[in-house]
């Protein structure tokens, strides 16, 4: 898994430093859509809110807060639309149990997402003052959440010991859906970004919000 993170980040940064000549860019931009790509990046704050439908754990969820850095690569672009690959790399703070049953307070979450962007912030040259995006991807994380099914099995096990509590958690990983809107701020755009993670944990869903600023300058190629 660590290898995946390294490869994905290196690929995004490596691609961003290639450049085409100006004439090639002009030829691509004559149509409604073109293949010339550009690199963008955002910085902001994140709130992650796990929620349970299981009655026993319904009121026991913690919230997690942190910072996000997001590199983004626009691959197919129109005047004010783009398809992009994005990473949302977040460092989170909030108490949780790891697999060893130890209490931790720092974690990360890294969704890898394909987004459709439109209007403000879709490309560096977009002129709209408002815009939005919709995307689907997969999230990796070392943040562990209580698994209601495993927790119930532990409570009904007469031979359970404190050492078994590390077995009742599962990672906050799964398919990731995000949507939101952008608005022009200075030379960049502000982002209000809602997301949901389908964590594979029965009776549990994770929701979240990101508030980010996308910088207006970047390298085209």
Protein backbone atom coordinates (compact mmCIF):
# COMPACT_ATOMS: atom_id res chain seq x y z
CA UNK A 1 0.00 0.00 0.00
CA UNK A 2 2.84 2.41 0.79
CA UNK A 3 4.27 1.60 -2.64
CA UNK A 4 0.96 2.67 -4.23
CA UNK A 5 1.05 6.06 -2.50
CA UNK A 6 4.64 6.67 -3.60
CA UNK A 7 4.01 5.66 -7.22
CA UNK A 8 0.83 7.75 -7.51
CA UNK A 9 2.46 10.90 -6.10
CA UNK A 10 5.63 10.50 -8.16
CA UNK A 11 3.59 9.99 -11.35
CA UNK A 12 1.57 13.17 -10.79
CA UNK A 13 4.65 15.27 -10.06
CA UNK A 14 6.67 13.72 -12.89
CA UNK A 15 3.99 14.33 -15.52
CA UNK A 16 3.55 17.94 -14.40
CA UNK A 17 7.10 18.88 -15.47
CA UNK A 18 6.79 17.84 -19.11
CA UNK A 19 5.99 20.54 -21.65
CA UNK A 20 4.86 20.75 -25.29
CA UNK A 21 5.71 23.53 -27.68
CA UNK A 22 3.29 26.46 -28.04
CA UNK A 23 2.21 25.50 -31.58
CA UNK A 24 1.17 22.02 -30.39
CA UNK A 25 -0.96 23.62 -27.68
CA UNK A 26 -2.66 25.93 -30.21
CA UNK A 27 -3.50 23.00 -32.50
CA UNK A 28 -5.11 21.11 -29.60
CA UNK A 29 -7.16 24.11 -28.47
CA UNK A 30 -8.86 24.67 -31.82
CA UNK A 31 -11.55 22.08 -31.00
CA UNK A 32 -14.12 22.06 -28.21
CA UNK A 33 -11.93 19.65 -26.23
CA UNK A 34 -8.19 19.10 -26.34
CA UNK A 35 -5.63 16.78 -24.78
CA UNK A 36 -3.14 19.34 -23.53
CA UNK A 37 -2.96 18.92 -19.76
CA UNK A 38 -2.25 21.09 -16.74
CA UNK A 39 -1.29 20.68 -13.12
CA UNK A 40 -3.23 22.35 -10.28
CA UNK A 41 -3.04 22.14 -6.51
CA UNK A 42 -5.18 22.99 -3.48
CA UNK A 43 -4.71 23.40 0.25
CA UNK A 44 -7.31 23.43 3.00
CA UNK A 45 -9.01 21.86 6.04
CA UNK A 46 -10.91 18.58 6.40
CA UNK A 47 -13.56 17.16 8.74
CA UNK A 48 -14.27 13.40 8.74
CA UNK A 49 -17.47 12.19 10.42
CA UNK A 50 -18.06 8.42 10.75
CA UNK A 51 -21.68 7.51 11.46
CA UNK A 52 -23.32 4.25 12.58
CA UNK A 53 -26.87 2.99 12.01
CA UNK A 54 -26.37 0.26 14.62
CA UNK A 55 -28.30 1.35 17.72
CA UNK A 56 -25.56 0.32 20.16
CA UNK A 57 -22.91 2.50 18.49
CA UNK A 58 -25.16 5.24 17.11
CA UNK A 59 -23.92 7.90 19.54
CA UNK A 60 -20.32 6.70 19.93
CA UNK A 61 -18.71 8.06 16.73
CA UNK A 62 -15.75 10.43 16.95
CA UNK A 63 -15.02 13.29 14.56
CA UNK A 64 -11.60 13.81 12.99
CA UNK A 65 -10.14 17.11 11.78
CA UNK A 66 -7.05 17.94 9.81
CA UNK A 67 -5.33 19.51 6.81
CA UNK A 68 -5.46 18.48 3.15
CA UNK A 69 -3.00 19.01 0.30
CA UNK A 70 -4.39 18.07 -3.10
CA UNK A 71 -2.42 17.82 -6.37
CA UNK A 72 -4.66 17.54 -9.45
CA UNK A 73 -3.92 16.74 -13.08
CA UNK A 74 -6.40 17.87 -15.76
CA UNK A 75 -6.21 15.41 -18.65
CA UNK A 76 -9.06 16.26 -21.05
CA UNK A 77 -10.16 19.89 -21.17
CA UNK A 78 -12.66 22.20 -22.82
CA UNK A 79 -12.95 25.94 -22.37
CA UNK A 80 -14.52 25.49 -18.93
CA UNK A 81 -14.65 21.73 -18.38
CA UNK A 82 -12.08 19.07 -17.55
CA UNK A 83 -11.62 15.46 -16.53
CA UNK A 84 -8.96 15.18 -13.86
CA UNK A 85 -7.05 12.83 -11.59
CA UNK A 86 -6.71 14.06 -8.01
CA UNK A 87 -5.20 12.99 -4.70
CA UNK A 88 -6.54 14.40 -1.41
CA UNK A 89 -3.76 13.79 1.10
CA UNK A 90 -5.01 14.55 4.61
CA UNK A 91 -3.41 14.39 8.04
CA UNK A 92 -6.13 13.92 10.68
CA UNK A 93 -6.31 14.39 14.44
CA UNK A 94 -8.71 12.47 16.70
CA UNK A 95 -8.61 9.40 18.97
CA UNK A 96 -9.03 5.89 17.56
CA UNK A 97 -7.92 2.33 18.32
CA UNK A 98 -5.41 0.66 16.02
CA UNK A 99 -5.21 -3.08 15.28
CA UNK A 100 -3.09 -3.63 18.40
CA UNK A 101 -5.74 -2.05 20.61
CA UNK A 102 -3.58 1.03 21.22
CA UNK A 103 -5.08 4.52 21.38
CA UNK A 104 -3.77 6.79 18.61
CA UNK A 105 -4.58 10.37 17.71
CA UNK A 106 -2.87 10.96 14.33
CA UNK A 107 -3.94 9.29 11.08
CA UNK A 108 -4.08 9.90 7.34
CA UNK A 109 -6.59 9.41 4.54
CA UNK A 110 -5.69 9.47 0.83
CA UNK A 111 -8.48 9.20 -1.76
CA UNK A 112 -7.47 8.77 -5.42
CA UNK A 113 -10.31 10.28 -7.49
CA UNK A 114 -11.40 10.87 -11.09
CA UNK A 115 -13.36 14.15 -11.22
CA UNK A 116 -15.48 15.91 -13.83
CA UNK A 117 -15.03 19.67 -13.31
CA UNK A 118 -17.03 22.53 -14.78
CA UNK A 119 -17.05 26.32 -14.50
CA UNK A 120 -14.79 28.14 -12.04
CA UNK A 121 -11.61 26.20 -11.27
CA UNK A 122 -12.16 23.57 -13.98
CA UNK A 123 -9.04 24.81 -15.80
CA UNK A 124 -6.58 27.66 -15.31
CA UNK A 125 -8.27 29.59 -18.12
CA UNK A 126 -11.92 29.13 -16.98
CA UNK A 127 -13.71 32.50 -16.82
CA UNK A 128 -16.83 31.58 -14.79
CA UNK A 129 -17.20 32.90 -11.27
CA UNK A 130 -19.03 29.74 -10.14
CA UNK A 131 -18.44 26.07 -10.88
CA UNK A 132 -18.50 22.58 -9.46
CA UNK A 133 -17.30 19.00 -9.68
CA UNK A 134 -18.38 15.38 -9.24
CA UNK A 135 -16.06 12.41 -8.83
CA UNK A 136 -15.57 8.78 -7.91
CA UNK A 137 -12.50 7.02 -6.55
CA UNK A 138 -11.06 4.85 -3.79
CA UNK A 139 -9.79 5.89 -0.38
CA UNK A 140 -6.88 4.44 1.61
CA UNK A 141 -6.41 5.21 5.29
CA UNK A 142 -4.75 4.00 8.49
CA UNK A 143 -7.68 5.33 10.57
CA UNK A 144 -9.50 2.39 12.18
CA UNK A 145 -13.21 2.47 13.04
CA UNK A 146 -15.26 0.23 15.30
CA UNK A 147 -16.91 -2.63 13.42
CA UNK A 148 -20.37 -3.19 15.00
CA UNK A 149 -20.55 -6.86 13.97
CA UNK A 150 -17.13 -7.71 15.44
CA UNK A 151 -17.86 -5.59 18.52
CA UNK A 152 -21.08 -7.54 19.15
CA UNK A 153 -19.24 -10.85 18.84
CA UNK A 154 -16.65 -9.70 21.37
CA UNK A 155 -19.29 -8.62 23.91
CA UNK A 156 -20.99 -12.00 23.77
CA UNK A 157 -17.73 -13.95 24.06
CA UNK A 158 -17.29 -15.10 27.68
CA UNK A 159 -13.58 -15.77 27.06
CA UNK A 160 -12.82 -12.27 25.72
CA UNK A 161 -9.84 -10.40 27.15
CA UNK A 162 -8.63 -6.77 26.83
CA UNK A 163 -6.12 -7.94 24.22
CA UNK A 164 -9.01 -8.84 21.91
CA UNK A 165 -10.23 -5.26 21.56
CA UNK A 166 -7.79 -4.63 18.72
CA UNK A 167 -9.74 -7.15 16.63
CA UNK A 168 -12.98 -5.15 16.59
CA UNK A 169 -11.77 -2.38 14.29
CA UNK A 170 -11.57 -2.10 10.49
CA UNK A 171 -9.79 0.50 8.34
CA UNK A 172 -11.66 3.50 6.91
CA UNK A 173 -11.13 2.35 3.32
CA UNK A 174 -13.48 1.92 0.39
CA UNK A 175 -15.10 3.54 -2.61
CA UNK A 176 -15.16 7.30 -2.41
CA UNK A 177 -17.78 9.67 -3.86
CA UNK A 178 -17.30 13.46 -3.82
CA UNK A 179 -19.15 16.52 -5.10
CA UNK A 180 -19.04 20.25 -4.47
CA UNK A 181 -18.84 23.73 -5.87
CA UNK A 182 -16.18 26.35 -6.48
CA UNK A 183 -16.23 30.12 -6.55
CA UNK A 184 -13.67 32.63 -7.75
CA UNK A 185 -11.45 34.14 -5.05
CA UNK A 186 -8.58 36.34 -6.22
CA UNK A 187 -6.50 34.49 -8.79
CA UNK A 188 -7.80 31.06 -7.64
CA UNK A 189 -10.98 29.39 -6.40
CA UNK A 190 -12.51 28.48 -3.07
CA UNK A 191 -13.88 24.91 -2.78
CA UNK A 192 -16.66 23.50 -0.62
CA UNK A 193 -16.33 19.77 -0.99
CA UNK A 194 -18.61 17.02 0.43
CA UNK A 195 -17.65 13.34 0.33
CA UNK A 196 -18.74 9.89 1.44
CA UNK A 197 -16.69 6.70 1.92
CA UNK A 198 -18.32 3.28 1.61
CA UNK A 199 -16.11 1.55 4.18
CA UNK A 200 -17.27 -2.09 3.80
CA UNK A 201 -18.18 -1.97 7.52
CA UNK A 202 -21.77 -3.10 7.98
CA UNK A 203 -24.10 -0.44 9.49
CA UNK A 204 -21.48 2.29 9.03
CA UNK A 205 -20.89 5.15 6.59
CA UNK A 206 -18.27 7.89 6.70
CA UNK A 207 -19.09 11.45 5.61
CA UNK A 208 -16.84 14.45 5.36
CA UNK A 209 -16.29 18.05 4.30
CA UNK A 210 -13.28 19.81 2.82
CA UNK A 211 -12.78 23.56 2.59
CA UNK A 212 -9.93 24.27 0.20
CA UNK A 213 -8.33 26.95 -1.92
CA UNK A 214 -7.16 26.06 -5.44
CA UNK A 215 -4.27 28.20 -6.54
CA UNK A 216 -4.61 29.98 -9.86
CA UNK A 217 -1.10 29.53 -11.17
CA UNK A 218 0.37 26.29 -12.49
CA UNK A 219 2.32 24.62 -15.27
CA UNK A 220 0.58 23.69 -18.55
CA UNK A 221 1.86 21.13 -21.01
